[in-house]
Structure formats: structure tokens, C-alpha cells
N, C-alpha and C. Protein backbone atom coordinates (compact mmCIF):
# COMPACT_ATOMS: atom_id res chain seq x y z
N MET A 1 -18.52 -0.40 6.60
CA MET A 1 -18.05 0.75 7.06
C MET A 1 -18.38 1.09 8.57
N THR A 2 -17.12 1.83 9.29
CA THR A 2 -17.47 2.29 10.47
C THR A 2 -17.12 3.87 10.25
N ASN A 3 -17.05 4.12 11.87
CA ASN A 3 -16.77 6.05 12.14
C ASN A 3 -15.44 5.56 11.37
N GLU A 4 -14.59 5.02 11.71
CA GLU A 4 -12.93 4.77 11.57
C GLU A 4 -12.72 4.93 10.50
N ASP A 5 -13.72 4.65 9.11
CA ASP A 5 -13.27 4.39 8.15
C ASP A 5 -13.81 6.10 7.45
N ILE A 6 -14.45 6.94 8.07
CA ILE A 6 -14.93 8.32 7.26
C ILE A 6 -13.79 8.89 7.14
N ALA A 7 -12.73 9.18 7.25
CA ALA A 7 -11.90 9.81 6.69
C ALA A 7 -11.09 9.52 5.72
N TYR A 8 -11.28 8.09 5.81
CA TYR A 8 -10.65 7.15 4.62
C TYR A 8 -11.53 7.44 3.29
N ILE A 9 -12.86 7.16 3.31
CA ILE A 9 -13.74 7.61 2.33
C ILE A 9 -13.75 8.91 1.62
N GLN A 10 -13.66 9.95 2.51
CA GLN A 10 -13.34 11.29 2.64
C GLN A 10 -11.99 11.71 1.58
N HIS A 11 -11.15 10.93 1.99
CA HIS A 11 -9.81 11.01 1.00
C HIS A 11 -10.15 10.33 -0.22
N ILE A 12 -10.58 9.22 -0.37
CA ILE A 12 -10.74 8.54 -1.65
C ILE A 12 -11.85 9.34 -2.16
N ALA A 13 -12.70 9.53 -2.24
CA ALA A 13 -14.01 10.14 -2.97
C ALA A 13 -12.89 11.46 -3.20
N HIS A 14 -12.55 12.23 -2.50
CA HIS A 14 -11.66 13.68 -3.04
C HIS A 14 -10.49 13.55 -3.95
N VAL A 15 -9.67 12.53 -4.04
CA VAL A 15 -9.12 12.01 -4.89
C VAL A 15 -9.32 11.46 -6.47
N THR A 16 -10.16 10.51 -6.28
CA THR A 16 -11.00 10.19 -7.26
C THR A 16 -11.64 10.86 -8.18
N TRP A 17 -12.23 11.44 -7.76
CA TRP A 17 -13.08 12.83 -8.00
C TRP A 17 -12.16 13.67 -8.96
N ASN A 18 -11.54 14.40 -8.37
CA ASN A 18 -10.46 15.00 -9.01
C ASN A 18 -9.87 14.60 -10.01
N ASP A 19 -9.15 12.90 -10.42
CA ASP A 19 -8.95 12.24 -11.29
C ASP A 19 -9.54 12.04 -12.72
N THR A 20 -11.00 11.39 -12.05
CA THR A 20 -12.05 11.20 -12.92
C THR A 20 -12.31 12.62 -13.87
N TYR A 21 -12.48 13.51 -13.01
CA TYR A 21 -13.43 14.59 -13.50
C TYR A 21 -12.93 16.10 -13.93
N ALA A 22 -11.48 15.47 -13.86
CA ALA A 22 -10.45 16.54 -14.38
C ALA A 22 -11.09 16.69 -15.74
N GLY A 23 -10.99 18.32 -16.38
CA GLY A 23 -11.59 18.56 -17.73
C GLY A 23 -12.85 18.27 -18.01
N ILE A 24 -13.61 17.50 -17.19
CA ILE A 24 -14.87 17.45 -17.25
C ILE A 24 -16.06 18.21 -16.69
N LEU A 25 -15.31 18.43 -15.34
CA LEU A 25 -16.28 19.41 -14.15
C LEU A 25 -15.10 20.13 -13.77
N PRO A 26 -15.68 21.82 -13.83
CA PRO A 26 -14.60 22.63 -13.48
C PRO A 26 -14.43 22.07 -11.74
N GLU A 27 -13.35 22.39 -11.55
CA GLU A 27 -12.85 22.46 -10.04
C GLU A 27 -13.92 22.70 -8.83
N ASN A 28 -14.13 24.04 -9.39
CA ASN A 28 -14.90 24.33 -8.32
C ASN A 28 -16.32 24.01 -7.99
N ILE A 29 -16.70 23.26 -8.73
CA ILE A 29 -17.84 22.22 -8.72
C ILE A 29 -17.92 20.95 -8.21
N GLN A 30 -16.64 20.41 -8.30
CA GLN A 30 -16.07 19.03 -7.92
C GLN A 30 -16.05 19.17 -6.43
N THR A 31 -15.17 20.52 -5.90
CA THR A 31 -15.06 20.93 -4.68
C THR A 31 -16.59 20.98 -3.75
N ALA A 32 -17.40 21.63 -4.45
CA ALA A 32 -18.28 21.82 -3.81
C ALA A 32 -19.27 20.77 -3.50
N PHE A 33 -19.35 19.75 -4.62
CA PHE A 33 -19.95 18.30 -4.21
C PHE A 33 -19.10 17.43 -3.44
N ILE A 34 -18.07 17.68 -3.26
CA ILE A 34 -17.22 16.59 -2.60
C ILE A 34 -17.68 17.06 -0.79
N ASN A 35 -17.36 18.66 -1.10
CA ASN A 35 -17.47 19.46 0.66
C ASN A 35 -18.53 18.91 1.25
N ARG A 36 -19.83 18.96 0.65
CA ARG A 36 -21.36 18.94 0.82
C ARG A 36 -21.89 17.37 1.01
N SER A 37 -21.20 16.10 0.22
CA SER A 37 -21.42 15.15 -0.17
C SER A 37 -20.96 14.20 0.62
N TYR A 38 -19.66 14.38 1.19
CA TYR A 38 -19.04 13.61 1.76
C TYR A 38 -18.66 14.57 3.40
N SER A 39 -19.23 15.55 3.96
CA SER A 39 -19.31 16.07 5.02
C SER A 39 -19.41 14.97 6.11
N ASP A 40 -18.69 15.14 7.35
CA ASP A 40 -18.69 14.29 8.36
C ASP A 40 -20.11 14.03 8.58
N ALA A 41 -21.06 15.08 8.08
CA ALA A 41 -22.87 14.61 8.72
C ALA A 41 -23.16 13.92 7.64
N MET A 42 -22.83 13.99 6.59
CA MET A 42 -23.48 13.24 5.12
C MET A 42 -23.02 11.48 5.35
N MET A 43 -21.86 11.48 6.02
CA MET A 43 -21.28 10.24 5.92
C MET A 43 -21.89 9.58 7.00
N MET A 44 -22.04 10.13 8.09
CA MET A 44 -22.98 9.64 9.06
C MET A 44 -24.55 8.66 8.72
N LYS A 45 -24.93 9.90 7.49
CA LYS A 45 -26.70 9.40 7.17
C LYS A 45 -26.27 8.41 6.03
N ARG A 46 -25.21 8.73 5.57
CA ARG A 46 -24.74 7.36 4.67
C ARG A 46 -24.47 5.65 5.58
N MET A 47 -24.31 6.31 6.35
CA MET A 47 -24.20 4.57 7.48
C MET A 47 -25.32 3.95 7.80
N GLU A 48 -26.06 5.25 8.19
CA GLU A 48 -27.52 4.70 8.71
C GLU A 48 -28.73 4.52 7.89
N LYS A 49 -28.36 5.07 6.71
CA LYS A 49 -29.60 4.73 5.64
C LYS A 49 -29.60 3.95 4.58
N THR A 50 -27.52 3.56 4.32
CA THR A 50 -27.48 3.02 3.03
C THR A 50 -26.54 1.82 3.50
N HIS A 51 -25.91 1.16 2.56
CA HIS A 51 -24.81 0.32 2.94
C HIS A 51 -23.71 0.66 2.03
N VAL A 52 -22.42 0.62 2.75
CA VAL A 52 -21.03 1.70 2.24
C VAL A 52 -20.60 0.43 2.35
N LEU A 53 -19.67 -0.13 1.62
CA LEU A 53 -18.85 -1.43 1.60
C LEU A 53 -17.39 -1.18 1.25
N ILE A 54 -16.29 -1.23 1.66
CA ILE A 54 -15.01 -0.78 1.97
C ILE A 54 -14.21 -1.93 1.05
N ALA A 55 -13.03 -1.65 -0.13
CA ALA A 55 -12.29 -2.24 -0.55
C ALA A 55 -10.87 -1.86 0.23
N GLU A 56 -10.16 -2.90 0.87
CA GLU A 56 -8.67 -2.69 1.19
C GLU A 56 -7.82 -3.48 0.55
N CYS A 57 -6.64 -2.88 0.75
CA CYS A 57 -5.58 -3.54 -0.49
C CYS A 57 -5.06 -4.63 0.97
N ASP A 58 -3.77 -5.01 0.31
CA ASP A 58 -3.15 -6.42 1.20
C ASP A 58 -2.92 -5.97 2.63
N GLU A 59 -2.86 -4.43 2.74
CA GLU A 59 -1.80 -4.18 3.74
C GLU A 59 -3.21 -3.88 4.44
N GLY A 60 -4.26 -4.05 4.39
CA GLY A 60 -5.36 -3.50 4.73
C GLY A 60 -5.80 -1.86 5.07
N THR A 61 -5.10 -1.31 4.06
CA THR A 61 -5.61 0.29 4.03
C THR A 61 -6.70 0.24 2.83
N PRO A 62 -7.78 0.83 3.36
CA PRO A 62 -9.05 1.42 2.58
C PRO A 62 -8.38 2.46 1.19
N ILE A 63 -8.79 1.77 -0.08
CA ILE A 63 -8.43 2.15 -1.13
C ILE A 63 -9.73 2.51 -2.10
N GLY A 64 -11.00 2.18 -1.61
CA GLY A 64 -12.04 2.20 -2.45
C GLY A 64 -13.29 1.89 -1.34
N PHE A 65 -14.41 2.26 -1.97
CA PHE A 65 -15.49 2.34 -1.91
C PHE A 65 -16.62 2.05 -2.66
N LEU A 66 -17.68 1.41 -2.35
CA LEU A 66 -18.95 1.27 -3.14
C LEU A 66 -20.18 1.82 -2.25
N ASN A 67 -21.05 2.30 -2.50
CA ASN A 67 -22.32 3.04 -1.66
C ASN A 67 -23.78 2.67 -2.46
N PHE A 68 -24.61 1.82 -1.89
CA PHE A 68 -25.67 1.51 -2.89
C PHE A 68 -26.93 1.66 -1.47
N THR A 69 -27.91 2.04 -2.15
CA THR A 69 -29.70 1.94 -1.25
C THR A 69 -29.99 0.60 -1.18
N LYS A 70 -30.73 1.09 0.01
CA LYS A 70 -31.61 -0.29 0.22
C LYS A 70 -32.30 -0.66 -0.75
N GLU A 71 -32.87 -2.19 -0.85
CA GLU A 71 -33.90 -2.24 -2.17
C GLU A 71 -35.42 -1.82 -1.39
N ASP A 72 -35.81 -1.35 -2.31
CA ASP A 72 -37.09 -0.60 -2.14
C ASP A 72 -38.28 -1.94 -2.31
N GLU A 73 -39.65 -1.31 -2.19
CA GLU A 73 -40.77 -2.16 -2.44
C GLU A 73 -40.54 -2.88 -3.61
N ASP A 74 -40.33 -2.03 -4.65
CA ASP A 74 -40.36 -2.79 -5.99
C ASP A 74 -39.32 -3.30 -6.63
N GLY A 75 -38.19 -3.97 -5.33
CA GLY A 75 -36.92 -4.98 -5.83
C GLY A 75 -35.79 -3.87 -6.28
N ASP A 76 -36.13 -2.47 -6.57
CA ASP A 76 -34.96 -1.60 -6.88
C ASP A 76 -34.15 -1.58 -5.75
N SER A 77 -32.96 -1.10 -6.48
CA SER A 77 -31.43 -0.47 -5.45
C SER A 77 -30.79 0.25 -6.80
N GLU A 78 -30.44 1.36 -5.71
CA GLU A 78 -28.95 2.33 -6.73
C GLU A 78 -27.48 2.03 -5.85
N LEU A 79 -27.03 2.37 -7.07
CA LEU A 79 -25.30 2.30 -6.90
C LEU A 79 -25.22 3.50 -6.97
N THR A 80 -24.68 4.01 -5.46
CA THR A 80 -24.91 5.83 -5.75
C THR A 80 -23.55 6.01 -6.04
N ALA A 81 -22.51 5.25 -5.46
CA ALA A 81 -21.36 5.89 -5.49
C ALA A 81 -20.35 4.68 -5.54
N MET A 82 -19.19 4.33 -6.49
CA MET A 82 -18.04 3.77 -6.42
C MET A 82 -16.51 4.02 -7.07
N TYR A 83 -15.84 4.26 -5.87
CA TYR A 83 -14.69 4.87 -6.18
C TYR A 83 -13.58 4.04 -5.69
N ILE A 84 -12.74 4.18 -6.55
CA ILE A 84 -11.09 3.09 -6.34
C ILE A 84 -10.47 4.24 -6.79
N LEU A 85 -9.01 4.33 -5.61
CA LEU A 85 -8.16 5.00 -6.05
C LEU A 85 -7.54 5.07 -7.15
N PRO A 86 -6.91 5.94 -8.08
CA PRO A 86 -6.19 5.96 -9.22
C PRO A 86 -5.30 4.86 -9.31
N SER A 87 -4.60 4.76 -8.42
CA SER A 87 -3.36 3.86 -8.57
C SER A 87 -3.80 2.57 -8.46
N TYR A 88 -5.20 1.75 -7.68
CA TYR A 88 -5.67 0.96 -7.69
C TYR A 88 -6.61 0.08 -8.71
N GLN A 89 -6.98 1.26 -9.46
CA GLN A 89 -8.01 0.82 -10.60
C GLN A 89 -7.55 -0.09 -11.55
N GLN A 90 -8.35 -0.85 -12.17
CA GLN A 90 -8.26 -1.79 -12.72
C GLN A 90 -7.04 -3.01 -12.39
N SER A 91 -7.25 -3.51 -10.77
CA SER A 91 -6.79 -4.33 -10.12
C SER A 91 -7.88 -5.45 -9.59
N GLY A 92 -9.11 -5.32 -9.72
CA GLY A 92 -10.00 -6.27 -9.38
C GLY A 92 -10.89 -5.76 -8.04
N TYR A 93 -10.55 -4.52 -7.73
CA TYR A 93 -11.25 -4.32 -6.68
C TYR A 93 -12.79 -3.74 -6.81
N GLY A 94 -12.84 -3.15 -7.80
CA GLY A 94 -14.03 -2.55 -8.30
C GLY A 94 -15.25 -3.85 -8.86
N LYS A 95 -14.76 -5.06 -9.38
CA LYS A 95 -15.17 -6.24 -9.72
C LYS A 95 -15.90 -6.71 -7.81
N LYS A 96 -15.17 -6.88 -7.44
CA LYS A 96 -15.26 -7.41 -6.19
C LYS A 96 -16.01 -6.68 -5.20
N LEU A 97 -16.01 -5.51 -5.32
CA LEU A 97 -17.07 -4.77 -4.62
C LEU A 97 -18.83 -4.82 -5.20
N PHE A 98 -18.41 -4.94 -6.60
CA PHE A 98 -19.74 -5.07 -7.19
C PHE A 98 -20.49 -6.58 -6.73
N ASP A 99 -19.29 -7.56 -6.86
CA ASP A 99 -20.02 -8.86 -6.39
C ASP A 99 -20.57 -8.78 -5.20
N THR A 100 -19.93 -8.30 -4.08
CA THR A 100 -20.23 -8.73 -2.90
C THR A 100 -21.59 -7.53 -3.16
N THR A 101 -22.13 -6.57 -3.48
CA THR A 101 -23.05 -5.40 -3.73
C THR A 101 -24.38 -6.63 -4.17
N LEU A 102 -24.07 -7.20 -5.19
CA LEU A 102 -24.78 -8.17 -5.71
C LEU A 102 -25.38 -9.73 -4.49
N SER A 103 -24.58 -10.02 -4.33
CA SER A 103 -24.79 -10.98 -2.92
C SER A 103 -25.45 -10.74 -2.10
N MET A 104 -25.42 -9.07 -1.38
CA MET A 104 -26.31 -8.32 -0.39
C MET A 104 -27.72 -8.55 -1.05
N LEU A 105 -28.01 -8.10 -2.12
CA LEU A 105 -29.27 -7.50 -2.68
C LEU A 105 -30.24 -8.78 -2.99
N ARG A 106 -30.17 -10.00 -2.05
CA ARG A 106 -31.06 -10.98 -2.06
C ARG A 106 -32.34 -10.84 -3.00
N ASN A 107 -32.92 -10.11 -2.63
CA ASN A 107 -34.40 -9.87 -3.32
C ASN A 107 -34.79 -9.25 -4.26
N ALA A 108 -33.34 -7.89 -4.76
CA ALA A 108 -33.68 -7.14 -5.81
C ALA A 108 -33.63 -7.53 -7.41
N LYS A 109 -34.44 -7.06 -7.69
CA LYS A 109 -34.84 -7.07 -9.30
C LYS A 109 -33.82 -6.13 -10.16
N GLN A 110 -33.34 -5.23 -9.72
CA GLN A 110 -32.30 -4.07 -11.04
C GLN A 110 -31.69 -3.42 -9.73
N LEU A 111 -30.73 -2.67 -10.41
CA LEU A 111 -29.78 -1.82 -9.50
C LEU A 111 -29.73 -0.87 -10.53
N PHE A 112 -29.98 0.22 -10.39
CA PHE A 112 -29.33 1.60 -11.16
C PHE A 112 -28.14 2.12 -11.13
N VAL A 113 -27.57 2.64 -11.66
CA VAL A 113 -26.42 3.50 -11.57
C VAL A 113 -26.83 4.72 -12.80
N TYR A 114 -26.07 5.99 -11.89
CA TYR A 114 -25.89 7.08 -12.99
C TYR A 114 -24.69 7.49 -13.15
N VAL A 115 -24.14 8.14 -14.19
CA VAL A 115 -22.68 8.42 -14.01
C VAL A 115 -22.84 9.41 -15.25
N ASP A 116 -21.46 10.33 -15.23
CA ASP A 116 -21.61 11.31 -15.99
C ASP A 116 -21.46 10.31 -17.91
N SER A 117 -21.94 11.10 -18.44
CA SER A 117 -21.86 10.73 -20.08
C SER A 117 -20.13 10.79 -20.55
N ARG A 118 -19.70 11.51 -19.96
CA ARG A 118 -18.02 12.03 -20.31
C ARG A 118 -16.93 11.08 -19.31
N ASN A 119 -17.33 10.36 -18.46
CA ASN A 119 -16.53 9.83 -17.41
C ASN A 119 -16.90 8.31 -18.32
N THR A 120 -15.91 7.89 -19.29
CA THR A 120 -15.99 7.25 -20.42
C THR A 120 -15.31 5.77 -19.42
N ALA A 121 -14.49 6.02 -18.54
CA ALA A 121 -13.73 4.54 -17.84
C ALA A 121 -15.11 4.44 -17.07
N GLY A 122 -15.76 4.99 -15.96
CA GLY A 122 -16.68 4.53 -15.29
C GLY A 122 -17.96 3.82 -16.28
N ARG A 123 -18.09 4.37 -17.20
CA ARG A 123 -19.10 3.57 -18.61
C ARG A 123 -18.97 2.36 -18.92
N ALA A 124 -17.35 2.31 -19.28
CA ALA A 124 -16.91 1.10 -19.79
C ALA A 124 -16.91 0.10 -18.40
N PHE A 125 -16.79 0.31 -17.26
CA PHE A 125 -16.77 -0.45 -15.84
C PHE A 125 -17.91 -1.19 -15.76
N TYR A 126 -19.48 -0.42 -15.95
CA TYR A 126 -20.58 -0.92 -15.39
C TYR A 126 -20.83 -1.30 -16.88
N GLU A 127 -20.75 -1.39 -18.09
CA GLU A 127 -21.02 -2.02 -19.41
C GLU A 127 -20.45 -3.12 -19.29
N LYS A 128 -18.86 -3.63 -18.72
CA LYS A 128 -18.42 -4.60 -18.83
C LYS A 128 -18.56 -5.90 -17.75
N GLN A 129 -19.83 -4.84 -16.83
CA GLN A 129 -20.35 -5.48 -15.69
C GLN A 129 -21.68 -6.44 -15.81
N GLY A 130 -22.28 -5.77 -17.11
CA GLY A 130 -23.36 -6.06 -17.62
C GLY A 130 -24.74 -5.26 -17.27
N PHE A 131 -24.01 -3.79 -16.97
CA PHE A 131 -25.19 -2.78 -17.26
C PHE A 131 -25.57 -2.65 -18.34
N GLU A 132 -26.84 -2.65 -18.55
CA GLU A 132 -27.39 -1.89 -20.05
C GLU A 132 -27.63 -0.62 -19.94
N LEU A 133 -27.22 0.36 -21.10
CA LEU A 133 -27.26 1.76 -21.09
C LEU A 133 -29.64 1.95 -20.95
N LEU A 134 -29.78 2.92 -20.45
CA LEU A 134 -31.27 3.32 -20.37
C LEU A 134 -31.36 4.49 -21.36
N GLU A 135 -30.80 5.20 -20.82
CA GLU A 135 -30.97 6.78 -21.54
C GLU A 135 -29.98 7.66 -20.96
N VAL A 136 -29.71 8.31 -22.35
CA VAL A 136 -28.69 9.81 -21.81
C VAL A 136 -29.20 11.22 -21.68
N PHE A 137 -29.50 11.61 -20.49
CA PHE A 137 -30.52 13.17 -20.15
C PHE A 137 -29.53 14.19 -20.33
N GLU A 138 -29.96 15.42 -20.13
CA GLU A 138 -29.25 16.50 -19.68
C GLU A 138 -29.81 16.79 -18.68
N GLU A 139 -29.09 17.24 -17.27
CA GLU A 139 -29.16 18.05 -16.34
C GLU A 139 -28.63 18.87 -15.78
N TYR A 140 -28.48 19.32 -14.46
CA TYR A 140 -27.64 20.46 -13.94
C TYR A 140 -27.02 19.52 -12.82
N PHE A 141 -25.62 19.54 -12.38
CA PHE A 141 -25.12 18.91 -11.71
C PHE A 141 -24.45 20.22 -10.60
N GLU A 142 -24.94 20.55 -9.20
CA GLU A 142 -24.16 22.09 -9.11
C GLU A 142 -24.28 22.92 -9.58
N GLY A 143 -25.52 22.95 -10.37
CA GLY A 143 -25.74 24.40 -11.17
C GLY A 143 -24.73 24.91 -12.51
N TYR A 144 -24.40 23.50 -13.06
CA TYR A 144 -23.54 22.75 -13.93
C TYR A 144 -24.30 21.92 -15.15
N PRO A 145 -24.50 22.42 -16.39
CA PRO A 145 -24.87 21.70 -17.09
C PRO A 145 -23.93 20.25 -17.73
N VAL A 146 -24.70 18.82 -17.58
CA VAL A 146 -23.88 17.66 -17.71
C VAL A 146 -25.10 17.12 -18.57
N GLU A 147 -24.22 16.06 -19.24
CA GLU A 147 -25.40 14.92 -20.00
C GLU A 147 -25.09 13.65 -18.88
N THR A 148 -26.02 12.94 -18.06
CA THR A 148 -25.98 11.96 -17.38
C THR A 148 -26.82 10.74 -17.84
N ALA A 149 -25.69 9.45 -18.17
CA ALA A 149 -26.41 8.33 -18.59
C ALA A 149 -26.65 7.56 -17.20
N GLN A 150 -27.84 7.13 -17.43
CA GLN A 150 -28.54 5.87 -16.53
C GLN A 150 -28.75 4.70 -16.97
N TYR A 151 -27.90 3.89 -16.41
CA TYR A 151 -27.85 2.20 -16.77
C TYR A 151 -28.70 1.45 -15.77
N VAL A 152 -28.91 0.28 -15.98
CA VAL A 152 -29.64 -0.54 -15.28
C VAL A 152 -28.92 -2.07 -14.87
N TYR A 153 -28.60 -2.76 -14.35
CA TYR A 153 -28.03 -4.03 -14.02
C TYR A 153 -29.86 -5.01 -13.74
N TYR A 154 -29.67 -6.08 -14.41
CA TYR A 154 -30.82 -6.36 -14.15
C TYR A 154 -30.73 -7.68 -13.37
N ILE A 155 -31.32 -7.83 -12.16
CA ILE A 155 -31.25 -8.93 -11.74
C ILE A 155 -31.86 -10.10 -11.81
N HIS A 156 -31.95 -11.15 -12.71
CA HIS A 156 -32.83 -11.96 -12.91
C HIS A 156 -33.25 -13.21 -11.62
N GLU A 157 -32.45 -13.49 -11.16
CA GLU A 157 -32.54 -14.35 -9.91
C GLU A 157 -31.59 -13.88 -8.98
N PRO A 158 -32.28 -13.88 -7.92
CA PRO A 158 -31.87 -13.44 -6.61
C PRO A 158 -30.72 -14.31 -6.09
N VAL A 159 -29.61 -13.55 -5.92
CA VAL A 159 -28.07 -14.48 -5.86
C VAL A 159 -27.70 -14.43 -3.88
N LEU A 160 -27.52 -15.61 -4.28
CA LEU A 160 -27.31 -16.37 -2.75
C LEU A 160 -25.84 -16.10 -2.51
N ALA A 161 -25.23 -15.92 -1.23
CA ALA A 161 -23.96 -15.59 -0.52
C ALA A 161 -23.78 -16.91 -0.10
């Protein structure tokens, strides 16, 4: 990701969140989260502190992204965001982003992801990739009660690029 990608990422996050969480989270909760988490300042922080991979369609236009943390001292990483524009979902872009992520996590032992328990499409994607459900727990998201599913992907051997 570069500075030139920020507006694309903000657009993808907004469109994908509205599509994914319509009927699950109130619109004002979605808007507050997107505005805060994908502000210009937060995007700069994401670029500095984490990895952000961009998926581009054949014309070179960004249509999705994946954000993950650097490996910590225990070999853990967290997939913090993965959004593909709705019209490009189920076209292999998510799988390519995930595979590239694994190739970059050379010494990681496990990759965690947290997803709203009612996000059935997201949960199905992670399960198809081999993530295992650890637990479902209640918490507050932007002050709104939700159930969150925690998944882990065990990286048994380092993946070589």
C-alpha cells in the first residue's frame, strides 16, 4: 500500500462494510467505525505499523485489501481487516490475498482473526481457508452489543515465498 492507495482503501472499506453489515449493525455504528478506523491519520498509522496488501482487478484498479499485524515475539499475527468489493467477491481475490499473507509470515506460528458471528459469508471464507473456531464471545462494538467469533489459522511450518 502507498499513500496513493488511501482513498481506494477508504472507499472499499465503506462500500464493503455497508454491504456486509446491512441488517446486522446499525448504519450509524458502521459509519462511526469507518470514519474513525479509516481516517487519513489511521491509514498512515496502518501503513507504518502493519502490512496492507492491495488486490487489483485486471485493469489495475484496487478492488480489495487485507491488513495484518507483524509477527510478535510468540509468532502470532492478526488479520485485522479483509475487504473485497461485493462485485468482486467469490472471484479468488480473497484467497490470493490470504496466500500472499501466509508467504509473508515466514516465522509465524498462528494467525488470528475476529469476525462478527452473524457475518456468515466472512466466517465461511475463513473456515474454507482452514481457520478453526476458538470461541464466540459477547462484547461491545462502538457501544453496540455483538457476538464475536475468534478464529485461528495454525501455521505448522514456515511458508517459503
